[in-house]
N, C-alpha and C. Protein backbone atom coordinates (compact mmCIF):
# COMPACT_ATOMS: atom_id res chain seq x y z
N MET A 1 95.51 92.16 126.50
CA MET A 1 96.52 91.83 125.52
C MET A 1 96.54 90.32 125.32
N THR A 2 96.85 89.89 124.12
CA THR A 2 96.88 88.48 123.77
C THR A 2 98.24 87.88 124.12
N ASP A 3 98.24 86.64 124.62
CA ASP A 3 99.49 85.97 124.96
C ASP A 3 100.08 85.18 123.80
N ALA A 4 99.35 85.04 122.71
CA ALA A 4 99.77 84.21 121.59
C ALA A 4 100.71 84.99 120.66
N TYR A 5 101.56 84.24 119.95
CA TYR A 5 102.43 84.81 118.94
C TYR A 5 101.84 84.66 117.54
N PHE A 6 100.94 83.70 117.38
CA PHE A 6 100.31 83.42 116.09
C PHE A 6 98.81 83.61 116.28
N ILE A 7 98.25 84.56 115.55
CA ILE A 7 96.89 85.03 115.85
C ILE A 7 96.04 85.04 114.59
N ARG A 8 94.79 84.65 114.73
CA ARG A 8 93.79 84.81 113.68
C ARG A 8 92.90 85.97 114.14
N PRO A 9 93.20 87.20 113.70
CA PRO A 9 92.51 88.38 114.24
C PRO A 9 90.99 88.31 114.17
N LEU A 10 90.43 87.76 113.09
CA LEU A 10 88.98 87.73 112.97
C LEU A 10 88.31 86.86 114.04
N ASP A 11 89.08 85.96 114.67
CA ASP A 11 88.53 85.16 115.77
C ASP A 11 88.15 86.05 116.96
N TYR A 12 88.71 87.24 117.04
CA TYR A 12 88.46 88.15 118.15
C TYR A 12 87.38 89.19 117.84
N ALA A 13 86.99 89.29 116.58
CA ALA A 13 86.05 90.33 116.15
C ALA A 13 84.68 90.13 116.77
N GLN A 14 84.11 91.21 117.25
CA GLN A 14 82.75 91.20 117.79
C GLN A 14 82.23 92.62 117.84
N GLY A 15 80.93 92.74 117.89
CA GLY A 15 80.32 94.05 117.99
C GLY A 15 79.89 94.35 119.42
N ARG A 16 79.92 95.61 119.77
CA ARG A 16 79.40 96.09 121.06
C ARG A 16 78.41 97.19 120.74
N THR A 17 77.26 97.14 121.34
CA THR A 17 76.26 98.17 121.06
C THR A 17 76.55 99.49 121.76
N ASP A 18 77.29 99.44 122.89
CA ASP A 18 77.54 100.66 123.65
C ASP A 18 78.69 101.49 123.09
N LYS A 19 79.66 100.85 122.40
CA LYS A 19 80.79 101.57 121.81
C LYS A 19 81.54 100.61 120.89
N PRO A 20 82.39 101.14 120.00
CA PRO A 20 83.17 100.25 119.14
C PRO A 20 84.02 99.28 119.97
N PHE A 21 84.18 98.07 119.45
CA PHE A 21 84.96 97.03 120.11
C PHE A 21 86.44 97.23 119.81
N LYS A 22 87.27 97.07 120.84
CA LYS A 22 88.72 97.12 120.67
C LYS A 22 89.37 95.96 121.42
N HIS A 23 90.38 95.38 120.80
CA HIS A 23 91.18 94.34 121.44
C HIS A 23 92.64 94.61 121.12
N THR A 24 93.50 94.61 122.11
CA THR A 24 94.93 94.85 121.92
C THR A 24 95.66 93.52 121.86
N PHE A 25 96.41 93.33 120.77
CA PHE A 25 97.24 92.13 120.62
C PHE A 25 98.64 92.34 121.17
N LEU A 26 99.19 93.54 120.96
CA LEU A 26 100.55 93.84 121.40
C LEU A 26 100.63 95.32 121.76
N GLN A 27 101.21 95.59 122.92
CA GLN A 27 101.42 96.97 123.34
C GLN A 27 102.78 97.06 124.01
N SER A 28 103.65 97.86 123.42
CA SER A 28 104.96 98.10 124.01
C SER A 28 105.25 99.59 123.88
N GLU A 29 106.41 100.02 124.32
CA GLU A 29 106.74 101.44 124.17
C GLU A 29 107.04 101.79 122.72
N ARG A 30 107.17 100.77 121.86
CA ARG A 30 107.50 100.99 120.46
C ARG A 30 106.31 100.83 119.51
N LEU A 31 105.29 100.04 119.94
CA LEU A 31 104.27 99.63 118.97
C LEU A 31 102.96 99.26 119.67
N LEU A 32 101.84 99.58 119.01
CA LEU A 32 100.53 99.13 119.43
C LEU A 32 99.89 98.42 118.25
N VAL A 33 99.44 97.18 118.45
CA VAL A 33 98.73 96.42 117.43
C VAL A 33 97.40 96.00 118.03
N GLY A 34 96.32 96.44 117.41
CA GLY A 34 95.01 96.12 117.94
C GLY A 34 93.99 95.83 116.86
N LEU A 35 92.86 95.34 117.29
CA LEU A 35 91.73 95.04 116.42
C LEU A 35 90.58 95.95 116.81
N ASN A 36 89.91 96.50 115.82
CA ASN A 36 88.73 97.33 116.03
C ASN A 36 87.58 96.75 115.23
N SER A 37 86.39 96.72 115.82
CA SER A 37 85.18 96.30 115.13
C SER A 37 84.10 97.34 115.38
N LEU A 38 83.47 97.79 114.30
CA LEU A 38 82.41 98.78 114.38
C LEU A 38 81.13 98.20 113.81
N LEU A 39 80.07 98.29 114.58
CA LEU A 39 78.75 97.91 114.09
C LEU A 39 78.26 98.98 113.12
N PRO A 40 77.27 98.66 112.29
CA PRO A 40 76.71 99.68 111.41
C PRO A 40 76.31 100.92 112.21
N GLY A 41 76.70 102.09 111.70
CA GLY A 41 76.39 103.36 112.36
C GLY A 41 77.44 103.82 113.35
N GLN A 42 78.37 102.96 113.74
CA GLN A 42 79.42 103.37 114.68
C GLN A 42 80.58 104.01 113.91
N SER A 43 81.35 104.82 114.63
CA SER A 43 82.48 105.49 113.99
C SER A 43 83.63 105.66 114.97
N GLN A 44 84.78 105.88 114.39
CA GLN A 44 85.95 106.34 115.12
C GLN A 44 86.13 107.79 114.65
N HIS A 45 85.83 108.72 115.52
CA HIS A 45 85.80 110.13 115.14
C HIS A 45 87.17 110.61 114.66
N LEU A 46 87.14 111.67 113.89
CA LEU A 46 88.39 112.26 113.40
C LEU A 46 89.29 112.63 114.57
N HIS A 47 90.54 112.24 114.47
CA HIS A 47 91.53 112.55 115.49
C HIS A 47 92.91 112.46 114.83
N ASP A 48 93.92 112.84 115.55
CA ASP A 48 95.28 112.67 115.02
C ASP A 48 96.20 112.21 116.13
N HIS A 49 97.36 111.78 115.73
CA HIS A 49 98.43 111.39 116.65
C HIS A 49 99.62 112.24 116.23
N PRO A 50 99.92 113.30 116.97
CA PRO A 50 100.97 114.24 116.54
C PRO A 50 102.34 113.61 116.33
N ASP A 51 102.64 112.56 117.10
CA ASP A 51 103.99 111.98 117.05
C ASP A 51 104.01 110.51 116.65
N GLN A 52 102.88 109.98 116.18
CA GLN A 52 102.82 108.57 115.83
C GLN A 52 102.24 108.38 114.42
N ASP A 53 102.80 107.45 113.70
CA ASP A 53 102.25 107.01 112.43
C ASP A 53 101.27 105.87 112.72
N LYS A 54 100.27 105.72 111.84
CA LYS A 54 99.24 104.71 112.05
C LYS A 54 98.83 104.13 110.71
N PHE A 55 98.45 102.85 110.74
CA PHE A 55 97.77 102.31 109.57
C PHE A 55 96.64 101.40 109.99
N TYR A 56 95.65 101.33 109.10
CA TYR A 56 94.53 100.41 109.24
C TYR A 56 94.65 99.35 108.14
N GLN A 57 94.36 98.10 108.48
CA GLN A 57 94.26 97.03 107.49
C GLN A 57 92.86 96.44 107.63
N VAL A 58 92.02 96.64 106.63
CA VAL A 58 90.64 96.16 106.70
C VAL A 58 90.62 94.64 106.51
N LEU A 59 89.99 93.95 107.46
CA LEU A 59 89.88 92.50 107.41
C LEU A 59 88.53 92.03 106.92
N ALA A 60 87.46 92.75 107.28
CA ALA A 60 86.10 92.35 106.90
C ALA A 60 85.19 93.57 106.92
N GLY A 61 84.19 93.56 106.06
CA GLY A 61 83.24 94.66 105.99
C GLY A 61 83.78 95.80 105.16
N GLU A 62 83.04 96.93 105.18
CA GLU A 62 83.43 98.13 104.47
C GLU A 62 83.22 99.34 105.35
N GLY A 63 84.06 100.34 105.18
CA GLY A 63 83.91 101.56 105.95
C GLY A 63 84.37 102.76 105.15
N LEU A 64 83.86 103.92 105.52
CA LEU A 64 84.30 105.17 104.92
C LEU A 64 85.45 105.71 105.76
N PHE A 65 86.65 105.64 105.20
CA PHE A 65 87.85 106.08 105.90
C PHE A 65 88.20 107.50 105.45
N THR A 66 88.61 108.31 106.40
CA THR A 66 89.03 109.68 106.13
C THR A 66 90.48 109.82 106.58
N VAL A 67 91.32 110.36 105.71
CA VAL A 67 92.70 110.71 106.04
C VAL A 67 92.94 112.09 105.45
N GLY A 68 93.14 113.06 106.32
CA GLY A 68 93.29 114.43 105.86
C GLY A 68 92.02 114.88 105.15
N GLU A 69 92.16 115.37 103.94
CA GLU A 69 91.02 115.85 103.15
C GLU A 69 90.43 114.75 102.26
N GLN A 70 91.02 113.57 102.30
CA GLN A 70 90.58 112.49 101.42
C GLN A 70 89.67 111.51 102.14
N GLN A 71 88.65 111.02 101.44
CA GLN A 71 87.74 110.00 101.95
C GLN A 71 87.59 108.91 100.90
N GLN A 72 87.49 107.66 101.39
CA GLN A 72 87.30 106.54 100.47
C GLN A 72 86.65 105.39 101.22
N VAL A 73 85.71 104.73 100.54
CA VAL A 73 85.14 103.49 101.07
C VAL A 73 86.16 102.40 100.82
N CYS A 74 86.54 101.69 101.89
CA CYS A 74 87.55 100.64 101.80
C CYS A 74 86.98 99.35 102.37
N GLY A 75 87.40 98.23 101.77
CA GLY A 75 86.94 96.92 102.21
C GLY A 75 88.10 95.99 102.47
N ALA A 76 87.77 94.73 102.69
CA ALA A 76 88.75 93.71 103.05
C ALA A 76 89.94 93.72 102.10
N GLY A 77 91.14 93.71 102.69
CA GLY A 77 92.36 93.68 101.93
C GLY A 77 92.98 95.04 101.69
N GLU A 78 92.25 96.11 102.00
CA GLU A 78 92.79 97.45 101.74
C GLU A 78 93.56 97.98 102.95
N LEU A 79 94.59 98.74 102.65
CA LEU A 79 95.48 99.34 103.64
C LEU A 79 95.31 100.84 103.59
N ILE A 80 95.13 101.45 104.76
CA ILE A 80 94.93 102.90 104.86
C ILE A 80 96.06 103.46 105.72
N LEU A 81 96.78 104.44 105.21
CA LEU A 81 97.92 105.03 105.91
C LEU A 81 97.54 106.39 106.49
N ALA A 82 97.91 106.62 107.74
CA ALA A 82 97.64 107.89 108.42
C ALA A 82 98.93 108.36 109.09
N PRO A 83 99.74 109.16 108.37
CA PRO A 83 100.99 109.65 108.94
C PRO A 83 100.75 110.55 110.16
N ALA A 84 101.75 110.69 110.96
CA ALA A 84 101.68 111.53 112.17
C ALA A 84 101.16 112.91 111.84
N GLY A 85 100.25 113.40 112.69
CA GLY A 85 99.74 114.75 112.57
C GLY A 85 98.60 114.95 111.59
N ILE A 86 98.20 113.91 110.87
CA ILE A 86 97.12 114.00 109.88
C ILE A 86 95.82 113.48 110.51
N LEU A 87 94.74 114.26 110.42
CA LEU A 87 93.45 113.81 110.94
C LEU A 87 93.01 112.56 110.20
N HIS A 88 92.42 111.61 110.96
CA HIS A 88 91.93 110.38 110.36
C HIS A 88 90.79 109.82 111.19
N GLY A 89 89.95 109.02 110.56
CA GLY A 89 88.82 108.40 111.25
C GLY A 89 88.10 107.47 110.29
N VAL A 90 87.07 106.80 110.81
CA VAL A 90 86.33 105.83 109.99
C VAL A 90 84.88 105.77 110.45
N ASP A 91 83.98 105.60 109.47
CA ASP A 91 82.55 105.43 109.73
C ASP A 91 82.10 104.13 109.09
N ASN A 92 81.37 103.33 109.86
CA ASN A 92 80.76 102.14 109.27
C ASN A 92 79.37 102.53 108.79
N GLN A 93 79.27 102.80 107.51
CA GLN A 93 77.99 103.18 106.90
C GLN A 93 77.32 101.97 106.25
N GLY A 94 77.92 100.80 106.40
CA GLY A 94 77.39 99.59 105.78
C GLY A 94 76.38 98.89 106.66
N ASP A 95 76.02 97.67 106.23
CA ASP A 95 75.02 96.86 106.92
C ASP A 95 75.63 95.80 107.84
N GLY A 96 76.94 95.57 107.75
CA GLY A 96 77.57 94.51 108.54
C GLY A 96 78.69 95.05 109.41
N LEU A 97 79.29 94.15 110.16
CA LEU A 97 80.39 94.47 111.05
C LEU A 97 81.63 94.85 110.23
N LEU A 98 82.25 95.96 110.56
CA LEU A 98 83.51 96.40 109.95
C LEU A 98 84.62 96.06 110.93
N THR A 99 85.61 95.31 110.46
CA THR A 99 86.71 94.89 111.33
C THR A 99 88.04 95.22 110.67
N PHE A 100 88.95 95.85 111.44
CA PHE A 100 90.24 96.23 110.88
C PHE A 100 91.31 96.17 111.97
N LEU A 101 92.53 95.88 111.52
CA LEU A 101 93.70 95.99 112.39
C LEU A 101 94.12 97.45 112.44
N THR A 102 94.61 97.85 113.60
CA THR A 102 95.17 99.18 113.78
C THR A 102 96.57 99.02 114.33
N VAL A 103 97.54 99.67 113.69
CA VAL A 103 98.92 99.62 114.14
C VAL A 103 99.41 101.06 114.29
N ILE A 104 99.97 101.37 115.46
CA ILE A 104 100.47 102.71 115.78
C ILE A 104 101.91 102.57 116.29
N ALA A 105 102.80 103.43 115.75
CA ALA A 105 104.18 103.41 116.21
C ALA A 105 104.74 104.82 116.20
N PRO A 106 105.56 105.20 117.17
CA PRO A 106 105.71 104.46 118.42
C PRO A 106 104.43 104.54 119.24
N PHE A 107 104.32 103.71 120.27
CA PHE A 107 103.13 103.67 121.08
C PHE A 107 102.88 105.05 121.68
N PRO A 108 101.62 105.53 121.58
CA PRO A 108 101.30 106.85 122.16
C PRO A 108 101.40 106.86 123.67
N THR A 109 102.04 107.87 124.20
CA THR A 109 102.17 107.98 125.66
C THR A 109 101.15 108.91 126.23
């Protein structure tokens, strides 16, 4: 977890060849704020959070995001909403690093 209150999320972005990169900025019983980076070909498989709402904010790159039955390629500046109980995931089908913020509330137990 980061100790700073003012953060430049892209300063933390990096790729890992063994699995997608994750960094947690804030984790409490109410909220999780983290950064995810996916190299080309990496994905966050479809999953859901039965009792938590989630959103992704794309910071860099492009990815194919799935929420429920809908899919869309999203890039920097786009916001993706995944309400509780709805399957969601992302695939980096591009050529560069895909980096996005992930916010989940309340924090999954």
